Amino acid sequence: MPSITDVTEQTFATEVLDSSRPVLVDYWADWCAPCKQMSPVIGELSDQYPQVKFCKIDTNANPALAARQGVMSLPTLQVIVGGEIVQASQGGKTKNSIIQMLSDYL
């Protein structure tokens, strides 16, 4: 069972910025086909890498949060460590490219 935390404007600081683990944040929307394609891959990775916290943010429900985090297109992935964005990518990604993003933190 994948361990992915749904994050909102209200929980972002606690769940993401204050996390003691590196966090992979997946910004998505239900109308975004590449987002839907990446969802099972992120689920698999969340099972494989318990040392990383995996979070999803629905940009339709949290547009101000997405804008504040600099999200300009979907899907966007951000790796956040110690409250700072250390890696970011936009567009659909393969499993291996997501692992590569996380490689310094595994």
PDB file of N, CA and C in Angstrom:
ATOM      1  N   MET A   1       0.856  -1.200   0.000  1.00  0.00           N
ATOM      2  CA  MET A   1       0.000   0.000   0.000  1.00  0.00           C
ATOM      3  C   MET A   1       0.886   1.242   0.000  1.00  0.00           C
ATOM      4  N   PRO A   2       0.800   2.055  -1.026  1.00  0.00           N
ATOM      5  CA  PRO A   2       1.648   3.248  -1.083  1.00  0.00           C
ATOM      6  C   PRO A   2       1.366   4.195   0.075  1.00  0.00           C
ATOM      7  N   SER A   3       2.415   4.807   0.527  1.00  0.00           N
ATOM      8  CA  SER A   3       2.292   5.766   1.616  1.00  0.00           C
ATOM      9  C   SER A   3       2.522   7.167   1.050  1.00  0.00           C
ATOM     10  N   ILE A   4       1.423   7.791   0.623  1.00  0.00           N
ATOM     11  CA  ILE A   4       1.492   9.121   0.044  1.00  0.00           C
ATOM     12  C   ILE A   4       0.548  10.024   0.837  1.00  0.00           C
ATOM     13  N   THR A   5       1.075  11.147   1.279  1.00  0.00           N
ATOM     14  CA  THR A   5       0.296  12.078   2.088  1.00  0.00           C
ATOM     15  C   THR A   5      -0.322  13.147   1.200  1.00  0.00           C
ATOM     16  N   ASP A   6      -1.637  13.326   1.316  1.00  0.00           N
ATOM     17  CA  ASP A   6      -2.294  14.436   0.632  1.00  0.00           C
ATOM     18  C   ASP A   6      -2.056  15.699   1.445  1.00  0.00           C
ATOM     19  N   VAL A   7      -1.515  16.716   0.796  1.00  0.00           N
ATOM     20  CA  VAL A   7      -1.147  17.953   1.482  1.00  0.00           C
ATOM     21  C   VAL A   7      -2.015  19.091   0.970  1.00  0.00           C
ATOM     22  N   THR A   8      -2.380  19.986   1.884  1.00  0.00           N
ATOM     23  CA  THR A   8      -3.178  21.166   1.541  1.00  0.00           C
ATOM     24  C   THR A   8      -2.431  22.414   1.991  1.00  0.00           C
ATOM     25  N   GLU A   9      -2.994  23.544   1.673  1.00  0.00           N
ATOM     26  CA  GLU A   9      -2.457  24.836   2.116  1.00  0.00           C
ATOM     27  C   GLU A   9      -2.240  24.825   3.641  1.00  0.00           C
ATOM     28  N   GLN A  10      -3.191  24.230   4.368  1.00  0.00           N
ATOM     29  CA  GLN A  10      -3.144  24.212   5.833  1.00  0.00           C
ATOM     30  C   GLN A  10      -2.076  23.273   6.389  1.00  0.00           C
ATOM     31  N   THR A  11      -1.754  22.198   5.664  1.00  0.00           N
ATOM     32  CA  THR A  11      -0.830  21.198   6.209  1.00  0.00           C
ATOM     33  C   THR A  11       0.556  21.247   5.586  1.00  0.00           C
ATOM     34  N   PHE A  12       0.769  22.127   4.605  1.00  0.00           N
ATOM     35  CA  PHE A  12       2.035  22.158   3.866  1.00  0.00           C
ATOM     36  C   PHE A  12       3.246  22.373   4.775  1.00  0.00           C
ATOM     37  N   ALA A  13       3.189  23.344   5.655  1.00  0.00           N
ATOM     38  CA  ALA A  13       4.344  23.636   6.512  1.00  0.00           C
ATOM     39  C   ALA A  13       4.693  22.432   7.380  1.00  0.00           C
ATOM     40  N   THR A  14       3.700  21.853   8.021  1.00  0.00           N
ATOM     41  CA  THR A  14       3.943  20.717   8.915  1.00  0.00           C
ATOM     42  C   THR A  14       4.408  19.483   8.162  1.00  0.00           C
ATOM     43  N   GLU A  15       3.706  19.146   7.075  1.00  0.00           N
ATOM     44  CA  GLU A  15       3.978  17.894   6.359  1.00  0.00           C
ATOM     45  C   GLU A  15       5.230  17.965   5.486  1.00  0.00           C
ATOM     46  N   VAL A  16       5.506  19.133   4.900  1.00  0.00           N
ATOM     47  CA  VAL A  16       6.591  19.240   3.919  1.00  0.00           C
ATOM     48  C   VAL A  16       7.781  20.020   4.469  1.00  0.00           C
ATOM     49  N   LEU A  17       7.558  21.266   4.835  1.00  0.00           N
ATOM     50  CA  LEU A  17       8.680  22.128   5.231  1.00  0.00           C
ATOM     51  C   LEU A  17       9.350  21.673   6.514  1.00  0.00           C
ATOM     52  N   ASP A  18       8.566  21.142   7.448  1.00  0.00           N
ATOM     53  CA  ASP A  18       9.114  20.719   8.744  1.00  0.00           C
ATOM     54  C   ASP A  18       9.493  19.251   8.798  1.00  0.00           C
ATOM     55  N   SER A  19       9.416  18.542   7.676  1.00  0.00           N
ATOM     56  CA  SER A  19       9.712  17.112   7.662  1.00  0.00           C
ATOM     57  C   SER A  19      11.188  16.855   7.956  1.00  0.00           C
ATOM     58  N   SER A  20      11.447  15.830   8.737  1.00  0.00           N
ATOM     59  CA  SER A  20      12.832  15.444   9.024  1.00  0.00           C
ATOM     60  C   SER A  20      13.421  14.610   7.885  1.00  0.00           C
ATOM     61  N   ARG A  21      12.564  14.117   6.987  1.00  0.00           N
ATOM     62  CA  ARG A  21      13.003  13.333   5.831  1.00  0.00           C
ATOM     63  C   ARG A  21      12.942  14.196   4.576  1.00  0.00           C
ATOM     64  N   PRO A  22      13.704  13.840   3.541  1.00  0.00           N
ATOM     65  CA  PRO A  22      13.503  14.492   2.243  1.00  0.00           C
ATOM     66  C   PRO A  22      12.065  14.234   1.781  1.00  0.00           C
ATOM     67  N   VAL A  23      11.475  15.193   1.086  1.00  0.00           N
ATOM     68  CA  VAL A  23      10.084  15.073   0.648  1.00  0.00           C
ATOM     69  C   VAL A  23      10.025  15.218  -0.871  1.00  0.00           C
ATOM     70  N   LEU A  24       9.344  14.277  -1.541  1.00  0.00           N
ATOM     71  CA  LEU A  24       9.022  14.428  -2.955  1.00  0.00           C
ATOM     72  C   LEU A  24       7.579  14.908  -3.017  1.00  0.00           C
ATOM     73  N   VAL A  25       7.386  16.109  -3.560  1.00  0.00           N
ATOM     74  CA  VAL A  25       6.041  16.678  -3.680  1.00  0.00           C
ATOM     75  C   VAL A  25       5.601  16.578  -5.134  1.00  0.00           C
ATOM     76  N   ASP A  26       4.436  15.983  -5.332  1.00  0.00           N
ATOM     77  CA  ASP A  26       3.845  15.815  -6.654  1.00  0.00           C
ATOM     78  C   ASP A  26       2.666  16.783  -6.763  1.00  0.00           C
ATOM     79  N   TYR A  27       2.820  17.807  -7.608  1.00  0.00           N
ATOM     80  CA  TYR A  27       1.732  18.760  -7.868  1.00  0.00           C
ATOM     81  C   TYR A  27       0.951  18.221  -9.059  1.00  0.00           C
ATOM     82  N   TRP A  28      -0.350  18.030  -8.900  1.00  0.00           N
ATOM     83  CA  TRP A  28      -1.166  17.374  -9.902  1.00  0.00           C
ATOM     84  C   TRP A  28      -2.548  18.018  -9.990  1.00  0.00           C
ATOM     85  N   ALA A  29      -3.308  17.609 -10.996  1.00  0.00           N
ATOM     86  CA  ALA A  29      -4.714  17.980 -11.138  1.00  0.00           C
ATOM     87  C   ALA A  29      -5.441  16.830 -11.823  1.00  0.00           C
ATOM     88  N   ASP A  30      -6.729  16.703 -11.542  1.00  0.00           N
ATOM     89  CA  ASP A  30      -7.471  15.561 -12.085  1.00  0.00           C
ATOM     90  C   ASP A  30      -7.646  15.625 -13.601  1.00  0.00           C
ATOM     91  N   TRP A  31      -7.490  16.778 -14.220  1.00  0.00           N
ATOM     92  CA  TRP A  31      -7.623  16.909 -15.673  1.00  0.00           C
ATOM     93  C   TRP A  31      -6.308  16.650 -16.414  1.00  0.00           C
ATOM     94  N   CYS A  32      -5.226  16.410 -15.672  1.00  0.00           N
ATOM     95  CA  CYS A  32      -3.875  16.294 -16.240  1.00  0.00           C
ATOM     96  C   CYS A  32      -3.541  14.827 -16.534  1.00  0.00           C
ATOM     97  N   ALA A  33      -3.529  14.461 -17.828  1.00  0.00           N
ATOM     98  CA  ALA A  33      -3.247  13.065 -18.210  1.00  0.00           C
ATOM     99  C   ALA A  33      -1.857  12.596 -17.766  1.00  0.00           C
ATOM    100  N   PRO A  34      -0.773  13.367 -17.966  1.00  0.00           N
ATOM    101  CA  PRO A  34       0.535  12.913 -17.488  1.00  0.00           C
ATOM    102  C   PRO A  34       0.579  12.727 -15.963  1.00  0.00           C
ATOM    103  N   CYS A  35      -0.192  13.541 -15.243  1.00  0.00           N
ATOM    104  CA  CYS A  35      -0.265  13.384 -13.783  1.00  0.00           C
ATOM    105  C   CYS A  35      -0.831  12.000 -13.432  1.00  0.00           C
ATOM    106  N   LYS A  36      -1.892  11.618 -14.141  1.00  0.00           N
ATOM    107  CA  LYS A  36      -2.524  10.319 -13.892  1.00  0.00           C
ATOM    108  C   LYS A  36      -1.582   9.172 -14.250  1.00  0.00           C
ATOM    109  N   GLN A  37      -0.790   9.357 -15.308  1.00  0.00           N
ATOM    110  CA  GLN A  37       0.161   8.322 -15.710  1.00  0.00           C
ATOM    111  C   GLN A  37       1.269   8.155 -14.670  1.00  0.00           C
ATOM    112  N   MET A  38       1.675   9.236 -14.048  1.00  0.00           N
ATOM    113  CA  MET A  38       2.772   9.173 -13.078  1.00  0.00           C
ATOM    114  C   MET A  38       2.328   8.665 -11.710  1.00  0.00           C
ATOM    115  N   SER A  39       1.040   8.761 -11.416  1.00  0.00           N
ATOM    116  CA  SER A  39       0.542   8.408 -10.089  1.00  0.00           C
ATOM    117  C   SER A  39       0.937   6.999  -9.627  1.00  0.00           C
ATOM    118  N   PRO A  40       0.742   5.943 -10.457  1.00  0.00           N
ATOM    119  CA  PRO A  40       1.144   4.614  -9.984  1.00  0.00           C
ATOM    120  C   PRO A  40       2.655   4.476  -9.796  1.00  0.00           C
ATOM    121  N   VAL A  41       3.430   5.188 -10.600  1.00  0.00           N
ATOM    122  CA  VAL A  41       4.889   5.149 -10.474  1.00  0.00           C
ATOM    123  C   VAL A  41       5.304   5.754  -9.125  1.00  0.00           C
ATOM    124  N   ILE A  42       4.701   6.865  -8.771  1.00  0.00           N
ATOM    125  CA  ILE A  42       5.017   7.500  -7.491  1.00  0.00           C
ATOM    126  C   ILE A  42       4.567   6.603  -6.338  1.00  0.00           C
ATOM    127  N   GLY A  43       3.448   5.917  -6.529  1.00  0.00           N
ATOM    128  CA  GLY A  43       3.010   4.952  -5.523  1.00  0.00           C
ATOM    129  C   GLY A  43       4.029   3.838  -5.312  1.00  0.00           C
ATOM    130  N   GLU A  44       4.561   3.303  -6.417  1.00  0.00           N
ATOM    131  CA  GLU A  44       5.598   2.260  -6.327  1.00  0.00           C
ATOM    132  C   GLU A  44       6.831   2.777  -5.582  1.00  0.00           C
ATOM    133  N   LEU A  45       7.259   3.986  -5.950  1.00  0.00           N
ATOM    134  CA  LEU A  45       8.458   4.552  -5.330  1.00  0.00           C
ATOM    135  C   LEU A  45       8.258   4.798  -3.838  1.00  0.00           C
ATOM    136  N   SER A  46       7.036   5.172  -3.462  1.00  0.00           N
ATOM    137  CA  SER A  46       6.786   5.418  -2.039  1.00  0.00           C
ATOM    138  C   SER A  46       6.931   4.128  -1.233  1.00  0.00           C
ATOM    139  N   ASP A  47       6.632   2.988  -1.870  1.00  0.00           N
ATOM    140  CA  ASP A  47       6.837   1.690  -1.210  1.00  0.00           C
ATOM    141  C   ASP A  47       8.317   1.330  -1.152  1.00  0.00           C
ATOM    142  N   GLN A  48       9.058   1.652  -2.204  1.00  0.00           N
ATOM    143  CA  GLN A  48      10.471   1.263  -2.307  1.00  0.00           C
ATOM    144  C   GLN A  48      11.402   2.126  -1.468  1.00  0.00           C
ATOM    145  N   TYR A  49      11.030   3.376  -1.227  1.00  0.00           N
ATOM    146  CA  TYR A  49      11.932   4.325  -0.556  1.00  0.00           C
ATOM    147  C   TYR A  49      11.276   4.950   0.676  1.00  0.00           C
ATOM    148  N   PRO A  50      11.179   4.170   1.767  1.00  0.00           N
ATOM    149  CA  PRO A  50      10.536   4.695   2.976  1.00  0.00           C
ATOM    150  C   PRO A  50      11.318   5.845   3.619  1.00  0.00           C
ATOM    151  N   GLN A  51      12.580   6.017   3.234  1.00  0.00           N
ATOM    152  CA  GLN A  51      13.378   7.109   3.792  1.00  0.00           C
ATOM    153  C   GLN A  51      12.992   8.467   3.205  1.00  0.00           C
ATOM    154  N   VAL A  52      12.156   8.448   2.155  1.00  0.00           N
ATOM    155  CA  VAL A  52      11.664   9.676   1.530  1.00  0.00           C
ATOM    156  C   VAL A  52      10.167   9.778   1.820  1.00  0.00           C
ATOM    157  N   LYS A  53       9.719  10.969   2.154  1.00  0.00           N
ATOM    158  CA  LYS A  53       8.288  11.202   2.350  1.00  0.00           C
ATOM    159  C   LYS A  53       7.694  11.632   1.007  1.00  0.00           C
ATOM    160  N   PHE A  54       6.591  11.007   0.615  1.00  0.00           N
ATOM    161  CA  PHE A  54       5.931  11.304  -0.652  1.00  0.00           C
ATOM    162  C   PHE A  54       4.627  12.039  -0.372  1.00  0.00           C
ATOM    163  N   CYS A  55       4.452  13.180  -1.024  1.00  0.00           N
ATOM    164  CA  CYS A  55       3.261  14.001  -0.835  1.00  0.00           C
ATOM    165  C   CYS A  55       2.674  14.394  -2.182  1.00  0.00           C
ATOM    166  N   LYS A  56       1.345  14.557  -2.192  1.00  0.00           N
ATOM    167  CA  LYS A  56       0.640  15.017  -3.390  1.00  0.00           C
ATOM    168  C   LYS A  56      -0.120  16.290  -3.037  1.00  0.00           C
ATOM    169  N   ILE A  57      -0.114  17.241  -3.969  1.00  0.00           N
ATOM    170  CA  ILE A  57      -0.880  18.464  -3.781  1.00  0.00           C
ATOM    171  C   ILE A  57      -1.782  18.647  -4.986  1.00  0.00           C
ATOM    172  N   ASP A  58      -3.088  18.665  -4.737  1.00  0.00           N
ATOM    173  CA  ASP A  58      -4.081  18.905  -5.783  1.00  0.00           C
ATOM    174  C   ASP A  58      -4.089  20.404  -6.060  1.00  0.00           C
ATOM    175  N   THR A  59      -3.592  20.786  -7.235  1.00  0.00           N
ATOM    176  CA  THR A  59      -3.461  22.210  -7.547  1.00  0.00           C
ATOM    177  C   THR A  59      -4.813  22.878  -7.794  1.00  0.00           C
ATOM    178  N   ASN A  60      -5.837  22.109  -8.141  1.00  0.00           N
ATOM    179  CA  ASN A  60      -7.179  22.689  -8.270  1.00  0.00           C
ATOM    180  C   ASN A  60      -7.704  23.145  -6.921  1.00  0.00           C
ATOM    181  N   ALA A  61      -7.433  22.358  -5.890  1.00  0.00           N
ATOM    182  CA  ALA A  61      -7.915  22.673  -4.543  1.00  0.00           C
ATOM    183  C   ALA A  61      -6.985  23.639  -3.806  1.00  0.00           C
ATOM    184  N   ASN A  62      -5.727  23.739  -4.255  1.00  0.00           N
ATOM    185  CA  ASN A  62      -4.730  24.559  -3.559  1.00  0.00           C
ATOM    186  C   ASN A  62      -3.953  25.446  -4.529  1.00  0.00           C
ATOM    187  N   PRO A  63      -4.662  26.291  -5.310  1.00  0.00           N
ATOM    188  CA  PRO A  63      -3.966  27.085  -6.330  1.00  0.00           C
ATOM    189  C   PRO A  63      -2.972  28.090  -5.755  1.00  0.00           C
ATOM    190  N   ALA A  64      -3.271  28.678  -4.619  1.00  0.00           N
ATOM    191  CA  ALA A  64      -2.359  29.670  -4.034  1.00  0.00           C
ATOM    192  C   ALA A  64      -1.059  29.006  -3.579  1.00  0.00           C
ATOM    193  N   LEU A  65      -1.166  27.814  -3.034  1.00  0.00           N
ATOM    194  CA  LEU A  65       0.025  27.073  -2.597  1.00  0.00           C
ATOM    195  C   LEU A  65       0.894  26.725  -3.802  1.00  0.00           C
ATOM    196  N   ALA A  66       0.279  26.235  -4.863  1.00  0.00           N
ATOM    197  CA  ALA A  66       1.033  25.897  -6.074  1.00  0.00           C
ATOM    198  C   ALA A  66       1.732  27.134  -6.628  1.00  0.00           C
ATOM    199  N   ALA A  67       1.027  28.251  -6.667  1.00  0.00           N
ATOM    200  CA  ALA A  67       1.618  29.489  -7.187  1.00  0.00           C
ATOM    201  C   ALA A  67       2.786  29.938  -6.306  1.00  0.00           C
ATOM    202  N   ARG A  68       2.615  29.861  -5.011  1.00  0.00           N
ATOM    203  CA  ARG A  68       3.672  30.269  -4.073  1.00  0.00           C
ATOM    204  C   ARG A  68       4.920  29.396  -4.219  1.00  0.00           C
ATOM    205  N   GLN A  69       4.727  28.145  -4.602  1.00  0.00           N
ATOM    206  CA  GLN A  69       5.846  27.218  -4.773  1.00  0.00           C
ATOM    207  C   GLN A  69       6.428  27.276  -6.183  1.00  0.00           C
ATOM    208  N   GLY A  70       5.925  28.182  -7.012  1.00  0.00           N
ATOM    209  CA  GLY A  70       6.485  28.374  -8.345  1.00  0.00           C
ATOM    210  C   GLY A  70       6.046  27.361  -9.373  1.00  0.00           C
ATOM    211  N   VAL A  71       4.946  26.685  -9.121  1.00  0.00           N
ATOM    212  CA  VAL A  71       4.460  25.671 -10.055  1.00  0.00           C
ATOM    213  C   VAL A  71       3.777  26.370 -11.230  1.00  0.00           C
ATOM    214  N   MET A  72       4.356  26.184 -12.429  1.00  0.00           N
ATOM    215  CA  MET A  72       3.841  26.841 -13.629  1.00  0.00           C
ATOM    216  C   MET A  72       3.160  25.865 -14.585  1.00  0.00           C
ATOM    217  N   SER A  73       3.485  24.578 -14.488  1.00  0.00           N
ATOM    218  CA  SER A  73       2.849  23.580 -15.344  1.00  0.00           C
ATOM    219  C   SER A  73       2.771  22.262 -14.588  1.00  0.00           C
ATOM    220  N   LEU A  74       1.933  21.370 -15.104  1.00  0.00           N
ATOM    221  CA  LEU A  74       1.721  20.086 -14.428  1.00  0.00           C
ATOM    222  C   LEU A  74       2.106  18.946 -15.355  1.00  0.00           C
ATOM    223  N   PRO A  75       2.524  17.842 -14.777  1.00  0.00           N
ATOM    224  CA  PRO A  75       2.862  17.692 -13.367  1.00  0.00           C
ATOM    225  C   PRO A  75       4.191  18.384 -13.049  1.00  0.00           C
ATOM    226  N   THR A  76       4.322  18.788 -11.807  1.00  0.00           N
ATOM    227  CA  THR A  76       5.588  19.303 -11.300  1.00  0.00           C
ATOM    228  C   THR A  76       5.971  18.454 -10.098  1.00  0.00           C
ATOM    229  N   LEU A  77       7.231  18.050 -10.060  1.00  0.00           N
ATOM    230  CA  LEU A  77       7.785  17.341  -8.904  1.00  0.00           C
ATOM    231  C   LEU A  77       8.831  18.239  -8.264  1.00  0.00           C
ATOM    232  N   GLN A  78       8.809  18.296  -6.947  1.00  0.00           N
ATOM    233  CA  GLN A  78       9.837  19.028  -6.206  1.00  0.00           C
ATOM    234  C   GLN A  78      10.374  18.123  -5.109  1.00  0.00           C
ATOM    235  N   VAL A  79      11.693  18.135  -4.939  1.00  0.00           N
ATOM    236  CA  VAL A  79      12.320  17.481  -3.799  1.00  0.00           C
ATOM    237  C   VAL A  79      12.659  18.599  -2.830  1.00  0.00           C
ATOM    238  N   ILE A  80      12.131  18.491  -1.615  1.00  0.00           N
ATOM    239  CA  ILE A  80      12.328  19.518  -0.596  1.00  0.00           C
ATOM    240  C   ILE A  80      13.051  18.890   0.589  1.00  0.00           C
ATOM    241  N   VAL A  81      14.163  19.505   0.947  1.00  0.00           N
ATOM    242  CA  VAL A  81      14.975  19.034   2.077  1.00  0.00           C
ATOM    243  C   VAL A  81      15.194  20.222   3.003  1.00  0.00           C
ATOM    244  N   GLY A  82      14.854  20.037   4.274  1.00  0.00           N
ATOM    245  CA  GLY A  82      15.043  21.118   5.238  1.00  0.00           C
ATOM    246  C   GLY A  82      14.275  22.374   4.876  1.00  0.00           C
ATOM    247  N   GLY A  83      13.121  22.215   4.246  1.00  0.00           N
ATOM    248  CA  GLY A  83      12.287  23.348   3.887  1.00  0.00           C
ATOM    249  C   GLY A  83      12.681  24.050   2.597  1.00  0.00           C
ATOM    250  N   GLU A  84      13.728  23.563   1.908  1.00  0.00           N
ATOM    251  CA  GLU A  84      14.210  24.194   0.683  1.00  0.00           C
ATOM    252  C   GLU A  84      14.034  23.257  -0.518  1.00  0.00           C
ATOM    253  N   ILE A  85      13.661  23.823  -1.666  1.00  0.00           N
ATOM    254  CA  ILE A  85      13.569  23.037  -2.897  1.00  0.00           C
ATOM    255  C   ILE A  85      14.991  22.776  -3.387  1.00  0.00           C
ATOM    256  N   VAL A  86      15.367  21.502  -3.475  1.00  0.00           N
ATOM    257  CA  VAL A  86      16.714  21.140  -3.920  1.00  0.00           C
ATOM    258  C   VAL A  86      16.720  20.532  -5.325  1.00  0.00           C
ATOM    259  N   GLN A  87      15.566  20.074  -5.779  1.00  0.00           N
ATOM    260  CA  GLN A  87      15.397  19.531  -7.134  1.00  0.00           C
ATOM    261  C   GLN A  87      13.978  19.847  -7.564  1.00  0.00           C
ATOM    262  N   ALA A  88      13.788  20.096  -8.849  1.00  0.00           N
ATOM    263  CA  ALA A  88      12.437  20.297  -9.376  1.00  0.00           C
ATOM    264  C   ALA A  88      12.414  19.884 -10.840  1.00  0.00           C
ATOM    265  N   SER A  89      11.274  19.380 -11.271  1.00  0.00           N
ATOM    266  CA  SER A  89      11.115  19.048 -12.682  1.00  0.00           C
ATOM    267  C   SER A  89       9.657  19.211 -13.063  1.00  0.00           C
ATOM    268  N   GLN A  90       9.435  19.505 -14.331  1.00  0.00           N
ATOM    269  CA  GLN A  90       8.086  19.671 -14.854  1.00  0.00           C
ATOM    270  C   GLN A  90       7.864  18.677 -15.977  1.00  0.00           C
ATOM    271  N   GLY A  91       6.626  18.254 -16.112  1.00  0.00           N
ATOM    272  CA  GLY A  91       6.278  17.313 -17.172  1.00  0.00           C
ATOM    273  C   GLY A  91       6.356  15.875 -16.695  1.00  0.00           C
ATOM    274  N   GLY A  92       5.838  14.978 -17.508  1.00  0.00           N
ATOM    275  CA  GLY A  92       5.852  13.560 -17.171  1.00  0.00           C
ATOM    276  C   GLY A  92       7.266  13.021 -17.054  1.00  0.00           C
ATOM    277  N   LYS A  93       7.473  12.125 -16.122  1.00  0.00           N
ATOM    278  CA  LYS A  93       8.798  11.546 -15.862  1.00  0.00           C
ATOM    279  C   LYS A  93       8.694  10.028 -15.788  1.00  0.00           C
ATOM    280  N   THR A  94       9.789   9.375 -16.136  1.00  0.00           N
ATOM    281  CA  THR A  94       9.878   7.929 -15.969  1.00  0.00           C
ATOM    282  C   THR A  94      10.262   7.620 -14.525  1.00  0.00           C
ATOM    283  N   LYS A  95      10.071   6.375 -14.159  1.00  0.00           N
ATOM    284  CA  LYS A  95      10.454   5.930 -12.821  1.00  0.00           C
ATOM    285  C   LYS A  95      11.942   6.194 -12.582  1.00  0.00           C
ATOM    286  N   ASN A  96      12.774   5.856 -13.571  1.00  0.00           N
ATOM    287  CA  ASN A  96      14.224   6.045 -13.400  1.00  0.00           C
ATOM    288  C   ASN A  96      14.604   7.513 -13.252  1.00  0.00           C
ATOM    289  N   SER A  97      13.912   8.402 -13.967  1.00  0.00           N
ATOM    290  CA  SER A  97      14.257   9.819 -13.841  1.00  0.00           C
ATOM    291  C   SER A  97      13.839  10.370 -12.474  1.00  0.00           C
ATOM    292  N   ILE A  98      12.770   9.836 -11.904  1.00  0.00           N
ATOM    293  CA  ILE A  98      12.378  10.251 -10.547  1.00  0.00           C
ATOM    294  C   ILE A  98      13.383   9.721  -9.533  1.00  0.00           C
ATOM    295  N   ILE A  99      13.814   8.479  -9.717  1.00  0.00           N
ATOM    296  CA  ILE A  99      14.848   7.912  -8.831  1.00  0.00           C
ATOM    297  C   ILE A  99      16.123   8.761  -8.910  1.00  0.00           C
ATOM    298  N   GLN A 100      16.469   9.189 -10.119  1.00  0.00           N
ATOM    299  CA  GLN A 100      17.656  10.041 -10.298  1.00  0.00           C
ATOM    300  C   GLN A 100      17.508  11.346  -9.530  1.00  0.00           C
ATOM    301  N   MET A 101      16.310  11.936  -9.542  1.00  0.00           N
ATOM    302  CA  MET A 101      16.061  13.162  -8.775  1.00  0.00           C
ATOM    303  C   MET A 101      16.307  12.950  -7.284  1.00  0.00           C
ATOM    304  N   LEU A 102      15.954  11.755  -6.820  1.00  0.00           N
ATOM    305  CA  LEU A 102      16.048  11.440  -5.394  1.00  0.00           C
ATOM    306  C   LEU A 102      17.398  10.860  -4.989  1.00  0.00           C
ATOM    307  N   SER A 103      18.267  10.566  -5.966  1.00  0.00           N
ATOM    308  CA  SER A 103      19.461   9.758  -5.700  1.00  0.00           C
ATOM    309  C   SER A 103      20.379  10.322  -4.621  1.00  0.00           C
ATOM    310  N   ASP A 104      20.479  11.627  -4.518  1.00  0.00           N
ATOM    311  CA  ASP A 104      21.335  12.212  -3.483  1.00  0.00           C
ATOM    312  C   ASP A 104      20.767  12.069  -2.084  1.00  0.00           C
ATOM    313  N   TYR A 105      19.492  11.659  -1.971  1.00  0.00           N
ATOM    314  CA  TYR A 105      18.812  11.648  -0.683  1.00  0.00           C
ATOM    315  C   TYR A 105      18.387  10.249  -0.262  1.00  0.00           C
ATOM    316  N   LEU A 106      18.819   9.232  -1.024  1.00  0.00           N
ATOM    317  CA  LEU A 106      18.446   7.845  -0.715  1.00  0.00           C
ATOM    318  C   LEU A 106      19.497   7.181   0.143  1.00  0.00           C
TER     319      LEU A 106
END
